[in-house]
Amino acid sequence: MSDADDVERHACPRCVVDPGSPCRSRSGTVAGTYHTGRFMKVPRLAKRLRVPTPADRGPGQLWRSGTPPPVSIPTDTPATDIRVGYARCSHLTQELQSQLDALAAHGIPREKIFAEKVSTRVRVRPKFEAALDACRQIKAHAPHCRVECPSPTRARTHELDTLRPMFQQALQAGSPWIAAPRPPLRDELYTIGGDGRPRLGESEPTIEAANVLRCGRDLFVQISGSGNELGYRWLETVLRQLGDYRVHPVRDVYTGTTWTPASPCCGPAWCCSTPTASKRTPSRSRYAGGTGSGARRCARPAPP
């Protein structure tokens, strides 16, 4: 973060501008330097004589209000991440404590860790079902943000109307409700690619909720025939205002590719996928770089 970003996190006591905006001169233009009473609020800049306004803020030009910095989410509110752990051994003689220690090391309280020793052949696992039930209860009561994404398929454009009662119920429970721009679905949105298959153009933002995979505060958005680049940019811009969310685009992947987070708590994060149509054996690749045959490369998400 630059000096200007740190300074603009505070309001200016002299020109009375809100956080997120550069200082304003008496003539109504962007000041060439930040006022002393403002940048002294940043401890590492308190001994500076002056802090110049960067060129991208437009010093000397007509002053306009900037975008307020995102508000950090307090750690003691229900909106923060709530983790539930599950540990299992398939035989009574196997050791279970190492899994419990690994889950506890990642900040999961003991009362939210469900553990059992039960065979893989047993279909009904009581502790596993209890963990899922706890997750459902947390999901139902925690005020997480809901993002409504209308489908770019003309035959499905009104299917979200059937989910409107669910969105309204979540809103009444304190959950933010954000609706993506409803695309007009004009003819120029639909194009034909070089392979003869239909493609989405960039005349309007479209995004399909099924193309988004969330891993904590990291979201992977697939750019495909049901979501375009403008839709990805819209989602990234909106989530940036909500806090520390990171949105990663995923492009040019095989149609049958499957993404799933594996072992996010007890070991390295892996992405399991089938990268090409000709290779039927699934390969594994770390988020930090491809190690499997033909594995796609993407950024490894930071811990939430």
C-alpha atoms as a PDB file:
ATOM      1  CA  MET A   1       0.000   0.000   0.000  1.00  0.00           C
ATOM      2  CA  SER A   2       1.373   3.423  -0.986  1.00  0.00           C
ATOM      3  CA  ASP A   3       1.735   6.500   1.203  1.00  0.00           C
ATOM      4  CA  ALA A   4      -1.275   8.065  -0.491  1.00  0.00           C
ATOM      5  CA  ASP A   5      -3.463   5.044   0.263  1.00  0.00           C
ATOM      6  CA  ASP A   6      -2.469   5.146   3.936  1.00  0.00           C
ATOM      7  CA  VAL A   7      -3.140   8.881   4.172  1.00  0.00           C
ATOM      8  CA  GLU A   8      -6.489   8.679   2.399  1.00  0.00           C
ATOM      9  CA  ARG A   9      -7.759   6.139   4.882  1.00  0.00           C
ATOM     10  CA  HIS A  10      -8.269   9.111   7.202  1.00  0.00           C
ATOM     11  CA  ALA A  11     -10.437  12.196   6.877  1.00  0.00           C
ATOM     12  CA  CYS A  12      -8.679  15.545   6.576  1.00  0.00           C
ATOM     13  CA  PRO A  13      -9.285  17.953   9.492  1.00  0.00           C
ATOM     14  CA  ARG A  14      -8.323  20.998   7.401  1.00  0.00           C
ATOM     15  CA  CYS A  15     -10.172  20.658   4.074  1.00  0.00           C
ATOM     16  CA  VAL A  16     -12.819  18.344   5.597  1.00  0.00           C
ATOM     17  CA  VAL A  17     -12.747  15.646   2.905  1.00  0.00           C
ATOM     18  CA  ASP A  18     -13.892  12.128   3.606  1.00  0.00           C
ATOM     19  CA  PRO A  19     -11.620   9.048   3.553  1.00  0.00           C
ATOM     20  CA  GLY A  20     -10.832   7.821   0.062  1.00  0.00           C
ATOM     21  CA  SER A  21     -10.352  11.288  -1.473  1.00  0.00           C
ATOM     22  CA  PRO A  22      -7.245  13.479  -1.949  1.00  0.00           C
ATOM     23  CA  CYS A  23      -6.946  16.783  -0.155  1.00  0.00           C
ATOM     24  CA  ARG A  24      -8.747  19.789  -1.647  1.00  0.00           C
ATOM     25  CA  SER A  25      -7.317  23.275  -2.085  1.00  0.00           C
ATOM     26  CA  ARG A  26      -9.199  26.501  -1.453  1.00  0.00           C
ATOM     27  CA  SER A  27      -9.746  26.962  -5.203  1.00  0.00           C
ATOM     28  CA  GLY A  28     -11.574  23.631  -5.435  1.00  0.00           C
ATOM     29  CA  THR A  29      -8.789  21.667  -7.120  1.00  0.00           C
ATOM     30  CA  VAL A  30      -6.793  18.665  -5.958  1.00  0.00           C
ATOM     31  CA  ALA A  31      -4.046  19.877  -3.634  1.00  0.00           C
ATOM     32  CA  GLY A  32      -0.444  19.229  -4.629  1.00  0.00           C
ATOM     33  CA  THR A  33       0.394  17.869  -1.163  1.00  0.00           C
ATOM     34  CA  TYR A  34      -1.578  16.299   1.640  1.00  0.00           C
ATOM     35  CA  HIS A  35      -2.299  18.552   4.585  1.00  0.00           C
ATOM     36  CA  THR A  36      -0.048  18.049   7.604  1.00  0.00           C
ATOM     37  CA  GLY A  37      -2.828  17.287  10.057  1.00  0.00           C
ATOM     38  CA  ARG A  38      -3.954  14.436   7.820  1.00  0.00           C
ATOM     39  CA  PHE A  39      -0.751  12.575   6.993  1.00  0.00           C
ATOM     40  CA  MET A  40       0.438  12.866  10.602  1.00  0.00           C
ATOM     41  CA  LYS A  41      -2.306  10.374  11.479  1.00  0.00           C
ATOM     42  CA  VAL A  42      -0.141   7.742   9.780  1.00  0.00           C
ATOM     43  CA  PRO A  43       2.599   6.878  12.319  1.00  0.00           C
ATOM     44  CA  ARG A  44       5.307   6.120   9.753  1.00  0.00           C
ATOM     45  CA  LEU A  45       4.698   9.472   8.011  1.00  0.00           C
ATOM     46  CA  ALA A  46       4.432  11.627  11.147  1.00  0.00           C
ATOM     47  CA  LYS A  47       8.006  12.937  10.852  1.00  0.00           C
ATOM     48  CA  ARG A  48       7.717  13.873   7.174  1.00  0.00           C
ATOM     49  CA  LEU A  49       7.690  17.555   6.229  1.00  0.00           C
ATOM     50  CA  ARG A  50       5.381  16.970   3.260  1.00  0.00           C
ATOM     51  CA  VAL A  51       3.673  14.116   1.431  1.00  0.00           C
ATOM     52  CA  PRO A  52       3.060  14.905  -2.270  1.00  0.00           C
ATOM     53  CA  THR A  53      -0.164  13.910  -3.996  1.00  0.00           C
ATOM     54  CA  PRO A  54       0.494  11.196  -6.635  1.00  0.00           C
ATOM     55  CA  ALA A  55      -0.031  11.998 -10.295  1.00  0.00           C
ATOM     56  CA  ASP A  56      -2.897   9.508 -10.618  1.00  0.00           C
ATOM     57  CA  ARG A  57      -4.925  11.650  -8.175  1.00  0.00           C
ATOM     58  CA  GLY A  58      -4.730  14.577 -10.624  1.00  0.00           C
ATOM     59  CA  PRO A  59      -3.105  17.371  -8.560  1.00  0.00           C
ATOM     60  CA  GLY A  60      -4.179  20.769  -9.878  1.00  0.00           C
ATOM     61  CA  GLN A  61      -7.289  19.383 -11.570  1.00  0.00           C
ATOM     62  CA  LEU A  62     -10.876  19.852 -10.464  1.00  0.00           C
ATOM     63  CA  TRP A  63     -11.403  18.001  -7.169  1.00  0.00           C
ATOM     64  CA  ARG A  64     -13.878  15.123  -7.174  1.00  0.00           C
ATOM     65  CA  SER A  65     -14.846  12.825  -4.349  1.00  0.00           C
ATOM     66  CA  GLY A  66     -13.097   9.459  -4.465  1.00  0.00           C
ATOM     67  CA  THR A  67     -14.212   5.973  -3.483  1.00  0.00           C
ATOM     68  CA  PRO A  68     -14.224   5.359   0.282  1.00  0.00           C
ATOM     69  CA  PRO A  69     -11.890   2.538   1.372  1.00  0.00           C
ATOM     70  CA  PRO A  70     -13.594  -0.790   2.187  1.00  0.00           C
ATOM     71  CA  VAL A  71     -14.624  -1.144   5.796  1.00  0.00           C
ATOM     72  CA  SER A  72     -12.826  -3.970   7.582  1.00  0.00           C
ATOM     73  CA  ILE A  73     -15.124  -6.607   9.053  1.00  0.00           C
ATOM     74  CA  PRO A  74     -14.744  -6.971  12.857  1.00  0.00           C
ATOM     75  CA  THR A  75     -13.610 -10.399  13.961  1.00  0.00           C
ATOM     76  CA  ASP A  76     -16.308 -10.655  16.635  1.00  0.00           C
ATOM     77  CA  THR A  77     -19.293 -10.279  14.295  1.00  0.00           C
ATOM     78  CA  PRO A  78     -21.247 -13.142  12.708  1.00  0.00           C
ATOM     79  CA  ALA A  79     -20.153 -11.934   9.260  1.00  0.00           C
ATOM     80  CA  THR A  80     -16.649 -13.302   9.728  1.00  0.00           C
ATOM     81  CA  ASP A  81     -15.691 -16.779   8.594  1.00  0.00           C
ATOM     82  CA  ILE A  82     -16.967 -19.553  10.852  1.00  0.00           C
ATOM     83  CA  ARG A  83     -15.083 -22.800  10.502  1.00  0.00           C
ATOM     84  CA  VAL A  84     -16.350 -26.282  11.252  1.00  0.00           C
ATOM     85  CA  GLY A  85     -13.947 -29.232  11.322  1.00  0.00           C
ATOM     86  CA  TYR A  86     -14.431 -32.957  10.731  1.00  0.00           C
ATOM     87  CA  ALA A  87     -11.935 -35.740  11.454  1.00  0.00           C
ATOM     88  CA  ARG A  88     -12.365 -39.465  10.843  1.00  0.00           C
ATOM     89  CA  CYS A  89     -10.478 -42.718  11.052  1.00  0.00           C
ATOM     90  CA  SER A  90     -11.763 -45.883   9.444  1.00  0.00           C
ATOM     91  CA  HIS A  91     -10.470 -48.275  12.152  1.00  0.00           C
ATOM     92  CA  LEU A  92     -10.577 -48.235  15.942  1.00  0.00           C
ATOM     93  CA  THR A  93      -6.826 -48.815  16.215  1.00  0.00           C
ATOM     94  CA  GLN A  94      -5.941 -45.799  14.065  1.00  0.00           C
ATOM     95  CA  GLU A  95      -4.759 -42.548  15.643  1.00  0.00           C
ATOM     96  CA  LEU A  96      -7.085 -39.536  15.457  1.00  0.00           C
ATOM     97  CA  GLN A  97      -5.341 -36.920  17.599  1.00  0.00           C
ATOM     98  CA  SER A  98      -3.082 -35.587  14.818  1.00  0.00           C
ATOM     99  CA  GLN A  99      -6.120 -34.579  12.763  1.00  0.00           C
ATOM    100  CA  LEU A 100      -7.659 -32.843  15.761  1.00  0.00           C
ATOM    101  CA  ASP A 101      -4.414 -30.962  16.427  1.00  0.00           C
ATOM    102  CA  ALA A 102      -4.177 -29.856  12.780  1.00  0.00           C
ATOM    103  CA  LEU A 103      -7.735 -28.533  12.801  1.00  0.00           C
ATOM    104  CA  ALA A 104      -7.170 -26.737  16.107  1.00  0.00           C
ATOM    105  CA  ALA A 105      -3.975 -25.174  14.725  1.00  0.00           C
ATOM    106  CA  HIS A 106      -6.087 -23.522  12.009  1.00  0.00           C
ATOM    107  CA  GLY A 107      -8.233 -21.748  14.581  1.00  0.00           C
ATOM    108  CA  ILE A 108     -11.179 -24.146  14.753  1.00  0.00           C
ATOM    109  CA  PRO A 109     -12.496 -24.372  18.335  1.00  0.00           C
ATOM    110  CA  ARG A 110     -12.827 -27.822  19.832  1.00  0.00           C
ATOM    111  CA  GLU A 111     -16.607 -27.582  20.180  1.00  0.00           C
ATOM    112  CA  LYS A 112     -16.850 -27.117  16.388  1.00  0.00           C
ATOM    113  CA  ILE A 113     -14.722 -30.158  15.537  1.00  0.00           C
ATOM    114  CA  PHE A 114     -16.654 -33.370  14.912  1.00  0.00           C
ATOM    115  CA  ALA A 115     -14.635 -36.573  15.101  1.00  0.00           C
ATOM    116  CA  GLU A 116     -15.456 -40.258  14.816  1.00  0.00           C
ATOM    117  CA  LYS A 117     -13.988 -43.647  14.048  1.00  0.00           C
ATOM    118  CA  VAL A 118     -16.167 -45.330  11.481  1.00  0.00           C
ATOM    119  CA  SER A 119     -15.493 -47.480   8.446  1.00  0.00           C
ATOM    120  CA  THR A 120     -15.679 -46.100   4.940  1.00  0.00           C
ATOM    121  CA  ARG A 121     -18.222 -48.781   4.124  1.00  0.00           C
ATOM    122  CA  VAL A 122     -20.699 -47.309   6.593  1.00  0.00           C
ATOM    123  CA  ARG A 123     -22.944 -44.954   4.672  1.00  0.00           C
ATOM    124  CA  VAL A 124     -24.466 -43.154   7.653  1.00  0.00           C
ATOM    125  CA  ARG A 125     -21.822 -41.358   9.734  1.00  0.00           C
ATOM    126  CA  PRO A 126     -23.383 -39.625  12.757  1.00  0.00           C
ATOM    127  CA  LYS A 127     -20.635 -37.061  13.388  1.00  0.00           C
ATOM    128  CA  PHE A 128     -20.371 -36.201   9.715  1.00  0.00           C
ATOM    129  CA  GLU A 129     -24.109 -35.587   9.559  1.00  0.00           C
ATOM    130  CA  ALA A 130     -23.839 -33.484  12.733  1.00  0.00           C
ATOM    131  CA  ALA A 131     -21.102 -31.366  11.110  1.00  0.00           C
ATOM    132  CA  LEU A 132     -23.245 -30.802   8.022  1.00  0.00           C
ATOM    133  CA  ASP A 133     -26.205 -29.860  10.207  1.00  0.00           C
ATOM    134  CA  ALA A 134     -24.046 -27.327  12.079  1.00  0.00           C
ATOM    135  CA  CYS A 135     -22.957 -25.798   8.761  1.00  0.00           C
ATOM    136  CA  ARG A 136     -26.562 -25.528   7.620  1.00  0.00           C
ATOM    137  CA  GLN A 137     -27.553 -23.747  10.827  1.00  0.00           C
ATOM    138  CA  ILE A 138     -24.653 -21.303  10.540  1.00  0.00           C
ATOM    139  CA  LYS A 139     -25.468 -20.636   6.896  1.00  0.00           C
ATOM    140  CA  ALA A 140     -29.102 -19.992   7.736  1.00  0.00           C
ATOM    141  CA  HIS A 141     -28.403 -17.463  10.505  1.00  0.00           C
ATOM    142  CA  ALA A 142     -25.116 -15.771   9.573  1.00  0.00           C
ATOM    143  CA  PRO A 143     -25.609 -12.560   7.534  1.00  0.00           C
ATOM    144  CA  HIS A 144     -23.430 -13.510   4.565  1.00  0.00           C
ATOM    145  CA  CYS A 145     -23.905 -11.555   1.368  1.00  0.00           C
ATOM    146  CA  ARG A 146     -26.121 -13.015  -1.365  1.00  0.00           C
ATOM    147  CA  VAL A 147     -25.361 -12.093  -4.967  1.00  0.00           C
ATOM    148  CA  GLU A 148     -28.212 -12.560  -7.436  1.00  0.00           C
ATOM    149  CA  CYS A 149     -26.941 -13.499 -10.912  1.00  0.00           C
ATOM    150  CA  PRO A 150     -29.529 -13.775 -13.729  1.00  0.00           C
ATOM    151  CA  SER A 151     -28.687 -16.367 -16.339  1.00  0.00           C
ATOM    152  CA  PRO A 152     -27.573 -15.201 -19.830  1.00  0.00           C
ATOM    153  CA  THR A 153     -29.615 -18.051 -21.336  1.00  0.00           C
ATOM    154  CA  ARG A 154     -32.861 -16.647 -22.693  1.00  0.00           C
ATOM    155  CA  ALA A 155     -34.890 -19.673 -21.612  1.00  0.00           C
ATOM    156  CA  ARG A 156     -33.678 -19.253 -18.012  1.00  0.00           C
ATOM    157  CA  THR A 157     -33.647 -15.484 -17.584  1.00  0.00           C
ATOM    158  CA  HIS A 158     -36.671 -15.480 -15.226  1.00  0.00           C
ATOM    159  CA  GLU A 159     -35.818 -18.589 -13.194  1.00  0.00           C
ATOM    160  CA  LEU A 160     -34.457 -16.437 -10.342  1.00  0.00           C
ATOM    161  CA  ASP A 161     -37.970 -15.196  -9.704  1.00  0.00           C
ATOM    162  CA  THR A 162     -38.703 -18.524  -8.024  1.00  0.00           C
ATOM    163  CA  LEU A 163     -35.859 -17.842  -5.556  1.00  0.00           C
ATOM    164  CA  ARG A 164     -37.100 -14.365  -4.641  1.00  0.00           C
ATOM    165  CA  PRO A 165     -38.682 -15.531  -1.336  1.00  0.00           C
ATOM    166  CA  MET A 166     -35.316 -17.000  -0.268  1.00  0.00           C
ATOM    167  CA  PHE A 167     -33.519 -13.701  -0.982  1.00  0.00           C
ATOM    168  CA  GLN A 168     -36.162 -11.721   0.898  1.00  0.00           C
ATOM    169  CA  GLN A 169     -35.967 -14.057   3.894  1.00  0.00           C
ATOM    170  CA  ALA A 170     -32.171 -13.691   3.987  1.00  0.00           C
ATOM    171  CA  LEU A 171     -32.507  -9.911   3.708  1.00  0.00           C
ATOM    172  CA  GLN A 172     -34.855  -9.797   6.693  1.00  0.00           C
ATOM    173  CA  ALA A 173     -32.308 -11.869   8.648  1.00  0.00           C
ATOM    174  CA  GLY A 174     -29.630  -9.216   8.034  1.00  0.00           C
ATOM    175  CA  SER A 175     -27.909 -10.608   4.937  1.00  0.00           C
ATOM    176  CA  PRO A 176     -26.874  -8.077   2.258  1.00  0.00           C
ATOM    177  CA  TRP A 177     -28.604  -8.645  -1.077  1.00  0.00           C
ATOM    178  CA  ILE A 178     -26.806  -7.589  -4.245  1.00  0.00           C
ATOM    179  CA  ALA A 179     -28.344  -8.060  -7.691  1.00  0.00           C
ATOM    180  CA  ALA A 180     -26.180  -8.264 -10.792  1.00  0.00           C
ATOM    181  CA  PRO A 181     -27.259  -6.194 -13.805  1.00  0.00           C
ATOM    182  CA  ARG A 182     -30.045  -8.058 -15.601  1.00  0.00           C
ATOM    183  CA  PRO A 183     -28.808  -8.423 -19.208  1.00  0.00           C
ATOM    184  CA  PRO A 184     -31.238  -7.373 -21.995  1.00  0.00           C
ATOM    185  CA  LEU A 185     -30.014 -10.463 -23.949  1.00  0.00           C
ATOM    186  CA  ARG A 186     -29.786  -8.695 -27.295  1.00  0.00           C
ATOM    187  CA  ASP A 187     -28.675 -10.562 -30.390  1.00  0.00           C
ATOM    188  CA  GLU A 188     -25.230  -8.929 -30.435  1.00  0.00           C
ATOM    189  CA  LEU A 189     -24.407 -10.652 -27.120  1.00  0.00           C
ATOM    190  CA  TYR A 190     -24.326 -14.063 -28.801  1.00  0.00           C
ATOM    191  CA  THR A 191     -21.512 -14.798 -31.264  1.00  0.00           C
ATOM    192  CA  ILE A 192     -20.020 -17.860 -32.941  1.00  0.00           C
ATOM    193  CA  GLY A 193     -16.421 -18.798 -32.203  1.00  0.00           C
ATOM    194  CA  GLY A 194     -13.818 -20.128 -34.594  1.00  0.00           C
ATOM    195  CA  ASP A 195     -14.736 -23.700 -33.671  1.00  0.00           C
ATOM    196  CA  GLY A 196     -18.357 -23.119 -34.672  1.00  0.00           C
ATOM    197  CA  ARG A 197     -19.628 -23.104 -31.088  1.00  0.00           C
ATOM    198  CA  PRO A 198     -21.684 -20.261 -29.608  1.00  0.00           C
ATOM    199  CA  ARG A 199     -19.802 -17.720 -27.537  1.00  0.00           C
ATOM    200  CA  LEU A 200     -20.752 -14.767 -25.388  1.00  0.00           C
ATOM    201  CA  GLY A 201     -19.680 -11.351 -26.567  1.00  0.00           C
ATOM    202  CA  GLU A 202     -18.778  -8.361 -24.412  1.00  0.00           C
ATOM    203  CA  SER A 203     -21.678  -6.040 -25.219  1.00  0.00           C
ATOM    204  CA  GLU A 204     -23.089  -6.399 -21.677  1.00  0.00           C
ATOM    205  CA  PRO A 205     -21.920  -7.983 -18.380  1.00  0.00           C
ATOM    206  CA  THR A 206     -23.189 -11.508 -17.751  1.00  0.00           C
ATOM    207  CA  ILE A 207     -22.188 -13.983 -15.061  1.00  0.00           C
ATOM    208  CA  GLU A 208     -23.505 -17.408 -14.098  1.00  0.00           C
ATOM    209  CA  ALA A 209     -23.460 -18.291 -10.397  1.00  0.00           C
ATOM    210  CA  ALA A 210     -22.578 -21.902 -11.226  1.00  0.00           C
ATOM    211  CA  ASN A 211     -19.302 -20.663 -12.756  1.00  0.00           C
ATOM    212  CA  VAL A 212     -18.056 -19.279  -9.421  1.00  0.00           C
ATOM    213  CA  LEU A 213     -16.147 -21.391  -6.896  1.00  0.00           C
ATOM    214  CA  ARG A 214     -15.568 -19.848  -3.474  1.00  0.00           C
ATOM    215  CA  CYS A 215     -12.678 -20.910  -1.227  1.00  0.00           C
ATOM    216  CA  GLY A 216     -12.857 -18.756   1.893  1.00  0.00           C
ATOM    217  CA  ARG A 217     -12.306 -15.179   0.697  1.00  0.00           C
ATOM    218  CA  ASP A 218     -11.007 -16.277  -2.721  1.00  0.00           C
ATOM    219  CA  LEU A 219     -13.429 -16.678  -5.617  1.00  0.00           C
ATOM    220  CA  PHE A 220     -12.565 -18.366  -8.924  1.00  0.00           C
ATOM    221  CA  VAL A 221     -14.723 -17.178 -11.840  1.00  0.00           C
ATOM    222  CA  GLN A 222     -14.762 -19.183 -15.056  1.00  0.00           C
ATOM    223  CA  ILE A 223     -14.945 -17.172 -18.279  1.00  0.00           C
ATOM    224  CA  SER A 224     -17.050 -19.368 -20.540  1.00  0.00           C
ATOM    225  CA  GLY A 225     -20.153 -19.550 -22.690  1.00  0.00           C
ATOM    226  CA  SER A 226     -22.302 -18.491 -19.730  1.00  0.00           C
ATOM    227  CA  GLY A 227     -20.139 -15.718 -18.261  1.00  0.00           C
ATOM    228  CA  ASN A 228     -17.970 -13.093 -19.947  1.00  0.00           C
ATOM    229  CA  GLU A 229     -15.119 -10.766 -19.013  1.00  0.00           C
ATOM    230  CA  LEU A 230     -17.448  -7.870 -18.195  1.00  0.00           C
ATOM    231  CA  GLY A 231     -19.324 -10.075 -15.732  1.00  0.00           C
ATOM    232  CA  TYR A 232     -16.056 -11.010 -14.013  1.00  0.00           C
ATOM    233  CA  ARG A 233     -15.052  -7.340 -13.781  1.00  0.00           C
ATOM    234  CA  TRP A 234     -18.441  -6.440 -12.299  1.00  0.00           C
ATOM    235  CA  LEU A 235     -18.141  -9.102  -9.603  1.00  0.00           C
ATOM    236  CA  GLU A 236     -14.562  -8.081  -8.774  1.00  0.00           C
ATOM    237  CA  THR A 237     -15.541  -4.406  -8.473  1.00  0.00           C
ATOM    238  CA  VAL A 238     -18.531  -5.115  -6.240  1.00  0.00           C
ATOM    239  CA  LEU A 239     -16.764  -7.529  -3.898  1.00  0.00           C
ATOM    240  CA  ARG A 240     -13.846  -5.129  -3.537  1.00  0.00           C
ATOM    241  CA  GLN A 241     -16.226  -2.730  -1.777  1.00  0.00           C
ATOM    242  CA  LEU A 242     -17.332  -5.422   0.682  1.00  0.00           C
ATOM    243  CA  GLY A 243     -13.917  -6.178   2.146  1.00  0.00           C
ATOM    244  CA  ASP A 244     -10.896  -8.410   1.597  1.00  0.00           C
ATOM    245  CA  TYR A 245     -12.260 -10.610  -1.205  1.00  0.00           C
ATOM    246  CA  ARG A 246      -9.990 -11.760  -4.027  1.00  0.00           C
ATOM    247  CA  VAL A 247     -11.501 -12.692  -7.403  1.00  0.00           C
ATOM    248  CA  HIS A 248      -9.448 -14.822  -9.833  1.00  0.00           C
ATOM    249  CA  PRO A 249     -10.481 -15.341 -13.482  1.00  0.00           C
ATOM    250  CA  VAL A 250     -10.210 -18.823 -14.990  1.00  0.00           C
ATOM    251  CA  ARG A 251      -9.970 -18.848 -18.785  1.00  0.00           C
ATOM    252  CA  ASP A 252      -9.581 -21.367 -21.601  1.00  0.00           C
ATOM    253  CA  VAL A 253     -10.312 -24.564 -19.704  1.00  0.00           C
ATOM    254  CA  TYR A 254     -11.736 -27.783 -21.051  1.00  0.00           C
ATOM    255  CA  THR A 255     -15.548 -28.005 -20.957  1.00  0.00           C
ATOM    256  CA  GLY A 256     -15.534 -31.039 -18.650  1.00  0.00           C
ATOM    257  CA  THR A 257     -13.038 -29.596 -16.157  1.00  0.00           C
ATOM    258  CA  THR A 258     -13.947 -30.084 -12.506  1.00  0.00           C
ATOM    259  CA  TRP A 259     -12.530 -27.790  -9.808  1.00  0.00           C
ATOM    260  CA  THR A 260     -12.708 -28.748  -6.168  1.00  0.00           C
ATOM    261  CA  PRO A 261     -10.717 -27.660  -3.073  1.00  0.00           C
ATOM    262  CA  ALA A 262      -9.157 -30.706  -1.443  1.00  0.00           C
ATOM    263  CA  SER A 263      -7.798 -30.810   2.113  1.00  0.00           C
ATOM    264  CA  PRO A 264      -7.869 -27.035   2.719  1.00  0.00           C
ATOM    265  CA  CYS A 265      -7.151 -27.316   6.471  1.00  0.00           C
ATOM    266  CA  CYS A 266      -4.889 -30.290   7.020  1.00  0.00           C
ATOM    267  CA  GLY A 267      -2.424 -29.878   4.197  1.00  0.00           C
ATOM    268  CA  PRO A 268      -1.482 -28.031   0.998  1.00  0.00           C
ATOM    269  CA  ALA A 269      -4.359 -26.790  -1.118  1.00  0.00           C
ATOM    270  CA  TRP A 270      -4.806 -28.913  -4.229  1.00  0.00           C
ATOM    271  CA  CYS A 271      -6.916 -28.375  -7.314  1.00  0.00           C
ATOM    272  CA  CYS A 272      -8.141 -31.617  -8.861  1.00  0.00           C
ATOM    273  CA  SER A 273      -9.025 -31.333 -12.531  1.00  0.00           C
ATOM    274  CA  THR A 274      -9.109 -33.094 -15.908  1.00  0.00           C
ATOM    275  CA  PRO A 275      -7.172 -30.534 -17.987  1.00  0.00           C
ATOM    276  CA  THR A 276      -7.676 -31.973 -21.476  1.00  0.00           C
ATOM    277  CA  ALA A 277     -10.320 -34.006 -23.226  1.00  0.00           C
ATOM    278  CA  SER A 278      -7.842 -36.585 -24.534  1.00  0.00           C
ATOM    279  CA  LYS A 279      -6.344 -37.439 -21.139  1.00  0.00           C
ATOM    280  CA  ARG A 280      -8.910 -39.329 -19.118  1.00  0.00           C
ATOM    281  CA  THR A 281      -6.755 -39.706 -16.003  1.00  0.00           C
ATOM    282  CA  PRO A 282      -7.407 -36.838 -13.578  1.00  0.00           C
ATOM    283  CA  SER A 283      -4.304 -34.891 -12.651  1.00  0.00           C
ATOM    284  CA  ARG A 284      -3.548 -32.837  -9.566  1.00  0.00           C
ATOM    285  CA  SER A 285      -1.972 -29.420  -9.565  1.00  0.00           C
ATOM    286  CA  ARG A 286      -1.014 -27.141  -6.710  1.00  0.00           C
ATOM    287  CA  TYR A 287      -2.499 -23.677  -6.744  1.00  0.00           C
ATOM    288  CA  ALA A 288       1.050 -22.332  -6.702  1.00  0.00           C
ATOM    289  CA  GLY A 289       1.882 -23.999 -10.029  1.00  0.00           C
ATOM    290  CA  GLY A 290       1.249 -27.045 -12.170  1.00  0.00           C
ATOM    291  CA  THR A 291       2.780 -30.335 -11.102  1.00  0.00           C
ATOM    292  CA  GLY A 292       0.451 -32.755 -12.880  1.00  0.00           C
ATOM    293  CA  SER A 293       0.448 -33.525 -16.588  1.00  0.00           C
ATOM    294  CA  GLY A 294      -1.134 -30.611 -18.449  1.00  0.00           C
ATOM    295  CA  ALA A 295      -2.351 -29.006 -15.225  1.00  0.00           C
ATOM    296  CA  ARG A 296      -3.648 -25.457 -15.407  1.00  0.00           C
ATOM    297  CA  ARG A 297      -1.714 -22.781 -13.534  1.00  0.00           C
ATOM    298  CA  CYS A 298      -3.515 -20.438 -11.155  1.00  0.00           C
ATOM    299  CA  ALA A 299      -2.886 -18.460  -7.986  1.00  0.00           C
ATOM    300  CA  ARG A 300      -3.030 -20.197  -4.647  1.00  0.00           C
ATOM    301  CA  PRO A 301      -5.554 -18.457  -2.412  1.00  0.00           C
ATOM    302  CA  ALA A 302      -4.391 -16.937   0.841  1.00  0.00           C
ATOM    303  CA  PRO A 303      -5.929 -18.188   4.092  1.00  0.00           C
ATOM    304  CA  PRO A 304      -9.264 -16.484   4.862  1.00  0.00           C
END
